[in-house]
Amino acid sequence: MKKAKTCKELNFLLKKFFTPDEKIMIEKRLGILYLLEKGLSYRQIGEEIEVAGAF
C-alpha cells in the first residue's frame, strides 16, 4: 500500500477504503489514544469525545 505523504493523500486513501461511519470511528479512536496519553480519565474522555465506556 502506498504511504500518504500529505493530508490530502491521506484523506483520499481514507475515503477510498472506509465508509464515512468507519472514518468517524477511526477519528474517535485516535482521539481517545491522544487523550489517554495526556492523562485524562476514562470518564473525561467519554465526555470529551462523546463515547461510552465498555464496562
C-alpha atoms as a PDB file:
ATOM      1  CA  MET A   1       0.000   0.000   0.000  1.00  0.00           C
ATOM      2  CA  LYS A   2       1.229   3.473  -0.827  1.00  0.00           C
ATOM      3  CA  LYS A   3       2.237   5.736   2.051  1.00  0.00           C
ATOM      4  CA  ALA A   4       0.384   9.043   2.242  1.00  0.00           C
ATOM      5  CA  LYS A   5       2.779  11.983   2.194  1.00  0.00           C
ATOM      6  CA  THR A   6       0.224  14.769   2.613  1.00  0.00           C
ATOM      7  CA  CYS A   7      -3.084  15.245   4.407  1.00  0.00           C
ATOM      8  CA  LYS A   8      -4.783  15.369   1.015  1.00  0.00           C
ATOM      9  CA  GLU A   9      -3.376  11.953   0.062  1.00  0.00           C
ATOM     10  CA  LEU A  10      -4.335  10.501   3.439  1.00  0.00           C
ATOM     11  CA  ASN A  11      -7.890  11.806   3.107  1.00  0.00           C
ATOM     12  CA  PHE A  12      -8.127  10.278  -0.386  1.00  0.00           C
ATOM     13  CA  LEU A  13      -6.997   6.886   0.926  1.00  0.00           C
ATOM     14  CA  LEU A  14      -9.401   7.031   3.859  1.00  0.00           C
ATOM     15  CA  LYS A  15     -12.305   7.839   1.539  1.00  0.00           C
ATOM     16  CA  LYS A  16     -11.305   5.013  -0.782  1.00  0.00           C
ATOM     17  CA  PHE A  17     -11.088   2.289   1.862  1.00  0.00           C
ATOM     18  CA  PHE A  18     -13.533   3.342   4.610  1.00  0.00           C
ATOM     19  CA  THR A  19     -17.171   4.359   4.832  1.00  0.00           C
ATOM     20  CA  PRO A  20     -17.978   7.727   6.452  1.00  0.00           C
ATOM     21  CA  ASP A  21     -19.058   5.925   9.651  1.00  0.00           C
ATOM     22  CA  GLU A  22     -15.818   3.924   9.780  1.00  0.00           C
ATOM     23  CA  LYS A  23     -13.824   7.120   9.272  1.00  0.00           C
ATOM     24  CA  ILE A  24     -15.605   8.732  12.256  1.00  0.00           C
ATOM     25  CA  MET A  25     -14.814   5.708  14.429  1.00  0.00           C
ATOM     26  CA  ILE A  26     -11.137   5.846  13.440  1.00  0.00           C
ATOM     27  CA  GLU A  27     -11.036   9.555  14.311  1.00  0.00           C
ATOM     28  CA  LYS A  28     -12.648   8.886  17.698  1.00  0.00           C
ATOM     29  CA  ARG A  29     -10.229   6.064  18.479  1.00  0.00           C
ATOM     30  CA  LEU A  30      -7.234   8.228  17.601  1.00  0.00           C
ATOM     31  CA  GLY A  31      -8.692  10.982  19.779  1.00  0.00           C
ATOM     32  CA  ILE A  32      -9.066   8.534  22.665  1.00  0.00           C
ATOM     33  CA  LEU A  33      -5.422   7.466  22.332  1.00  0.00           C
ATOM     34  CA  TYR A  34      -4.314  11.107  22.314  1.00  0.00           C
ATOM     35  CA  LEU A  35      -6.348  11.959  25.422  1.00  0.00           C
ATOM     36  CA  LEU A  36      -5.115   8.850  27.263  1.00  0.00           C
ATOM     37  CA  GLU A  37      -1.542   9.968  26.561  1.00  0.00           C
ATOM     38  CA  LYS A  38      -2.432  13.382  28.044  1.00  0.00           C
ATOM     39  CA  GLY A  39      -3.578  11.636  31.229  1.00  0.00           C
ATOM     40  CA  LEU A  40      -7.347  12.162  31.055  1.00  0.00           C
ATOM     41  CA  SER A  41      -9.585   9.684  32.863  1.00  0.00           C
ATOM     42  CA  TYR A  42     -11.972   7.371  31.039  1.00  0.00           C
ATOM     43  CA  ARG A  43     -14.890   9.492  32.259  1.00  0.00           C
ATOM     44  CA  GLN A  44     -13.302  12.728  30.999  1.00  0.00           C
ATOM     45  CA  ILE A  45     -12.572  11.128  27.638  1.00  0.00           C
ATOM     46  CA  GLY A  46     -16.142   9.852  27.366  1.00  0.00           C
ATOM     47  CA  GLU A  47     -17.459  13.361  27.965  1.00  0.00           C
ATOM     48  CA  GLU A  48     -14.941  14.978  25.617  1.00  0.00           C
ATOM     49  CA  ILE A  49     -15.415  12.639  22.658  1.00  0.00           C
ATOM     50  CA  GLU A  50     -18.993  11.533  23.416  1.00  0.00           C
ATOM     51  CA  VAL A  51     -18.264   7.826  23.660  1.00  0.00           C
ATOM     52  CA  ALA A  52     -19.494   5.298  26.195  1.00  0.00           C
ATOM     53  CA  GLY A  53     -17.112   3.125  28.157  1.00  0.00           C
ATOM     54  CA  ALA A  54     -17.306  -0.643  27.889  1.00  0.00           C
ATOM     55  CA  PHE A  55     -17.978  -1.569  31.495  1.00  0.00           C
END
